[in-house]
């Protein structure tokens, strides 16, 4: 299947594995475990690749590649995928994801798995108002709500909610890198919480976050956040 892979600015991944146009690598392990020699991982969507980079490979200046993989393809709760053999076909432009879209993505993912009324009221207010200051002020209460409800809901779902709230707070305080990371954690926990019951459409949520952010940007206080910054 076709997919997308991130490398560092020199075209390398873990273990100094070198990629480039027409380069194929094959996993040496015999199993199907992620983050091991068993699989070479990739993404099914370029936005998802960038959104999850901070908590996965964490490339500071990533290159994005279109890839072709062998079959079968394995999924890690839908956030990333793996195959035994991957070929990098060509380099693509790296999507620029505004910080407001990053936070929105984390919240949208958490909403699918976390049903606490208080948290969802906060989430809807954030998604409607896009007010970084309000999100920062609400941060402590939201995290208390998420933690307290862990006994009533799947712990992964509660953590998804808490991480998305953290992303909003870090964004409001201009800590862009932590906001990116916590939004990605929120999506990862949402994927874990939903694994047994539903498939989350991460590419669809990423596209929705970008579209809704673009619509709101003209009147949003979050417009001041501009484009995300890389970790130094």
Protein backbone atom coordinates (compact mmCIF):
# COMPACT_ATOMS: atom_id res chain seq x y z
CA UNK A 1 0.00 0.00 0.00
CA UNK A 2 0.99 3.65 -0.31
CA UNK A 3 1.87 5.58 2.82
CA UNK A 4 4.12 8.23 4.33
CA UNK A 5 7.29 8.12 6.39
CA UNK A 6 9.27 10.69 8.33
CA UNK A 7 13.05 10.81 8.50
CA UNK A 8 15.50 13.29 9.97
CA UNK A 9 16.89 16.10 7.85
CA UNK A 10 19.56 13.74 6.47
CA UNK A 11 17.04 11.10 5.40
CA UNK A 12 17.83 8.78 8.30
CA UNK A 13 15.76 6.96 10.91
CA UNK A 14 16.59 4.93 14.03
CA UNK A 15 19.93 3.13 13.91
CA UNK A 16 21.29 5.46 11.19
CA UNK A 17 19.09 3.71 8.62
CA UNK A 18 19.48 5.70 5.41
CA UNK A 19 16.51 6.38 3.15
CA UNK A 20 16.16 8.07 -0.22
CA UNK A 21 14.39 7.82 -3.55
CA UNK A 22 13.90 4.18 -4.46
CA UNK A 23 15.48 2.87 -1.24
CA UNK A 24 13.97 -0.29 0.29
CA UNK A 25 14.54 -1.64 3.78
CA UNK A 26 13.23 -4.90 5.18
CA UNK A 27 12.63 -5.68 8.86
CA UNK A 28 14.90 -8.36 10.27
CA UNK A 29 12.59 -9.55 13.08
CA UNK A 30 10.13 -12.40 12.64
CA UNK A 31 7.29 -11.04 14.79
CA UNK A 32 4.83 -8.16 14.44
CA UNK A 33 5.73 -5.95 17.42
CA UNK A 34 5.92 -2.20 16.93
CA UNK A 35 9.04 -0.26 17.94
CA UNK A 36 11.13 -3.39 17.43
CA UNK A 37 13.12 -5.03 14.60
CA UNK A 38 9.88 -6.79 13.57
CA UNK A 39 8.31 -3.92 11.61
CA UNK A 40 9.19 -0.76 9.74
CA UNK A 41 6.67 1.87 10.67
CA UNK A 42 4.95 4.45 8.52
CA UNK A 43 1.75 6.51 8.42
CA UNK A 44 -1.31 6.45 6.21
CA UNK A 45 -1.63 10.25 6.18
CA UNK A 46 0.94 13.10 6.09
CA UNK A 47 -0.92 15.24 8.64
CA UNK A 48 -1.05 12.35 11.11
CA UNK A 49 2.67 11.80 10.57
CA UNK A 50 3.46 15.40 11.54
CA UNK A 51 0.96 15.53 14.41
CA UNK A 52 2.37 12.38 16.04
CA UNK A 53 6.03 13.09 15.38
CA UNK A 54 6.69 14.74 18.81
CA UNK A 55 5.88 11.55 20.74
CA UNK A 56 7.19 9.02 18.24
CA UNK A 57 10.37 9.66 16.23
CA UNK A 58 10.56 13.32 17.37
CA UNK A 59 12.53 14.52 14.36
CA UNK A 60 13.32 18.23 14.82
CA UNK A 61 13.44 19.02 11.10
CA UNK A 62 11.70 16.05 9.49
CA UNK A 63 11.61 15.10 5.86
CA UNK A 64 8.39 13.56 4.56
CA UNK A 65 8.48 10.69 2.08
CA UNK A 66 5.83 8.91 0.05
CA UNK A 67 6.35 5.18 0.50
CA UNK A 68 5.19 1.86 -0.82
CA UNK A 69 4.95 -1.11 1.53
CA UNK A 70 4.66 -4.84 1.42
CA UNK A 71 1.56 -6.69 2.63
CA UNK A 72 0.24 -7.41 5.17
CA UNK A 73 0.08 -4.08 6.98
CA UNK A 74 -0.26 -3.87 10.76
CA UNK A 75 -1.88 -1.08 12.75
CA UNK A 76 -0.88 0.35 16.14
CA UNK A 77 -4.35 1.50 17.25
CA UNK A 78 -4.60 3.43 13.99
CA UNK A 79 -1.99 6.07 14.86
CA UNK A 80 0.82 4.45 12.94
CA UNK A 81 1.22 1.38 10.77
CA UNK A 82 3.95 -1.14 10.10
CA UNK A 83 5.08 -3.51 7.37
CA UNK A 84 7.91 -5.92 6.80
CA UNK A 85 9.26 -3.98 3.83
CA UNK A 86 9.06 -0.27 3.00
CA UNK A 87 10.34 1.65 -0.02
CA UNK A 88 10.71 5.45 0.01
CA UNK A 89 9.56 6.69 -3.40
CA UNK A 90 9.93 10.46 -3.32
CA UNK A 91 10.19 13.38 -0.94
CA UNK A 92 7.08 15.51 -0.33
CA UNK A 93 6.51 18.97 1.18
CA UNK A 94 6.07 18.82 4.95
CA UNK A 95 2.60 20.06 5.99
CA UNK A 96 2.56 23.13 8.23
CA UNK A 97 0.09 22.56 11.06
CA UNK A 98 -0.94 25.66 13.05
CA UNK A 99 -0.81 25.27 16.80
CA UNK A 100 -4.55 25.87 17.12
CA UNK A 101 -5.17 22.92 14.80
CA UNK A 102 -2.84 20.75 16.89
CA UNK A 103 -4.83 21.42 20.08
CA UNK A 104 -8.12 20.97 18.24
CA UNK A 105 -6.94 17.59 16.95
CA UNK A 106 -6.16 16.38 20.48
CA UNK A 107 -9.56 17.49 21.77
CA UNK A 108 -11.45 15.93 18.85
CA UNK A 109 -9.69 12.61 19.44
CA UNK A 110 -10.44 12.64 23.17
CA UNK A 111 -14.10 13.48 22.57
CA UNK A 112 -14.60 10.17 20.80
CA UNK A 113 -13.74 8.13 23.87
CA UNK A 114 -14.37 10.30 26.94
CA UNK A 115 -17.95 10.94 28.07
CA UNK A 116 -17.58 13.03 31.24
CA UNK A 117 -20.11 15.88 30.96
CA UNK A 118 -17.92 18.49 32.61
CA UNK A 119 -14.97 17.81 30.39
CA UNK A 120 -17.09 17.70 27.24
CA UNK A 121 -18.66 21.04 28.15
CA UNK A 122 -15.17 22.52 28.39
CA UNK A 123 -14.15 20.86 25.13
CA UNK A 124 -17.17 22.21 23.25
CA UNK A 125 -16.49 25.69 24.64
CA UNK A 126 -12.90 25.49 23.48
CA UNK A 127 -13.85 24.24 20.04
CA UNK A 128 -16.49 26.97 19.69
CA UNK A 129 -14.65 29.93 21.20
CA UNK A 130 -11.07 29.01 20.33
CA UNK A 131 -10.00 31.15 23.27
CA UNK A 132 -6.53 30.30 24.52
CA UNK A 133 -6.93 32.38 27.68
CA UNK A 134 -10.13 30.61 28.69
CA UNK A 135 -8.53 27.24 27.98
CA UNK A 136 -5.60 28.10 30.24
CA UNK A 137 -7.89 29.21 33.07
CA UNK A 138 -9.96 26.04 32.81
CA UNK A 139 -6.94 23.74 32.66
CA UNK A 140 -6.73 22.81 36.35
CA UNK A 141 -10.44 22.04 36.70
CA UNK A 142 -10.49 19.96 33.55
CA UNK A 143 -7.56 17.83 34.64
CA UNK A 144 -9.12 17.27 38.05
CA UNK A 145 -12.29 16.16 36.31
CA UNK A 146 -10.41 13.78 34.02
CA UNK A 147 -8.42 12.27 36.84
CA UNK A 148 -11.41 11.84 39.16
CA UNK A 149 -13.40 10.13 36.44
CA UNK A 150 -10.70 7.58 35.69
CA UNK A 151 -12.47 5.05 37.90
CA UNK A 152 -15.71 5.47 35.96
CA UNK A 153 -14.23 5.46 32.47
CA UNK A 154 -11.44 3.66 30.74
CA UNK A 155 -8.18 5.05 32.10
CA UNK A 156 -6.82 5.59 28.60
CA UNK A 157 -9.88 7.70 27.76
CA UNK A 158 -9.41 9.81 30.89
CA UNK A 159 -5.76 10.30 30.03
CA UNK A 160 -6.71 11.36 26.51
CA UNK A 161 -8.97 14.03 27.98
CA UNK A 162 -6.33 15.21 30.43
CA UNK A 163 -3.60 15.36 27.78
CA UNK A 164 -5.79 17.40 25.43
CA UNK A 165 -6.45 19.87 28.26
CA UNK A 166 -2.72 20.07 28.88
CA UNK A 167 -2.17 20.80 25.20
CA UNK A 168 -4.57 23.75 25.38
CA UNK A 169 -2.89 25.11 28.49
CA UNK A 170 0.61 24.85 27.07
CA UNK A 171 -0.54 26.50 23.85
CA UNK A 172 -2.13 29.34 25.78
CA UNK A 173 1.13 29.89 27.66
CA UNK A 174 3.10 29.84 24.37
CA UNK A 175 4.92 26.55 25.08
CA UNK A 176 4.42 25.28 21.56
CA UNK A 177 6.47 22.10 21.76
CA UNK A 178 4.71 20.78 24.85
CA UNK A 179 1.34 21.63 23.27
CA UNK A 180 2.24 19.55 20.22
CA UNK A 181 3.43 16.67 22.38
CA UNK A 182 0.39 16.59 24.66
CA UNK A 183 -2.02 16.74 21.72
CA UNK A 184 -0.24 13.74 20.22
CA UNK A 185 -0.43 11.90 23.55
CA UNK A 186 -4.16 12.65 23.67
CA UNK A 187 -4.62 11.04 20.27
CA UNK A 188 -2.50 8.03 21.23
CA UNK A 189 -4.53 7.43 24.41
CA UNK A 190 -7.76 7.85 22.45
CA UNK A 191 -6.58 5.19 20.04
CA UNK A 192 -5.78 2.85 22.93
CA UNK A 193 -9.16 3.47 24.56
CA UNK A 194 -11.04 2.84 21.34
CA UNK A 195 -9.02 -0.15 20.20
CA UNK A 196 -11.49 -2.81 21.28
CA UNK A 197 -14.63 -0.97 20.24
CA UNK A 198 -14.10 1.29 17.24
CA UNK A 199 -11.61 2.47 14.66
CA UNK A 200 -10.76 6.15 14.98
CA UNK A 201 -10.38 7.98 11.69
CA UNK A 202 -7.22 9.88 12.63
CA UNK A 203 -6.65 11.27 9.09
CA UNK A 204 -10.25 12.52 9.03
CA UNK A 205 -9.89 14.20 12.43
CA UNK A 206 -6.59 15.78 11.38
CA UNK A 207 -8.19 17.19 8.23
CA UNK A 208 -11.18 18.42 10.22
CA UNK A 209 -8.91 20.16 12.72
CA UNK A 210 -7.09 21.95 9.90
CA UNK A 211 -10.32 22.97 8.14
CA UNK A 212 -12.08 24.24 11.26
CA UNK A 213 -8.98 26.14 12.38
CA UNK A 214 -8.73 27.85 9.00
CA UNK A 215 -12.38 28.93 9.21
CA UNK A 216 -12.00 30.28 12.73
CA UNK A 217 -8.57 31.86 12.31
CA UNK A 218 -9.72 35.27 11.10
CA UNK A 219 -11.59 36.05 14.33
CA UNK A 220 -9.77 33.82 16.82
CA UNK A 221 -7.48 34.99 19.63
CA UNK A 222 -5.48 31.87 18.87
CA UNK A 223 -4.48 33.34 15.53
CA UNK A 224 -1.70 35.06 17.43
CA UNK A 225 -0.10 31.66 17.98
CA UNK A 226 0.71 31.45 14.27
CA UNK A 227 2.61 28.41 13.06
CA UNK A 228 4.04 25.83 15.43
CA UNK A 229 7.68 26.04 16.45
CA UNK A 230 10.12 23.19 16.57
CA UNK A 231 11.82 22.13 19.74
CA UNK A 232 15.28 23.67 19.99
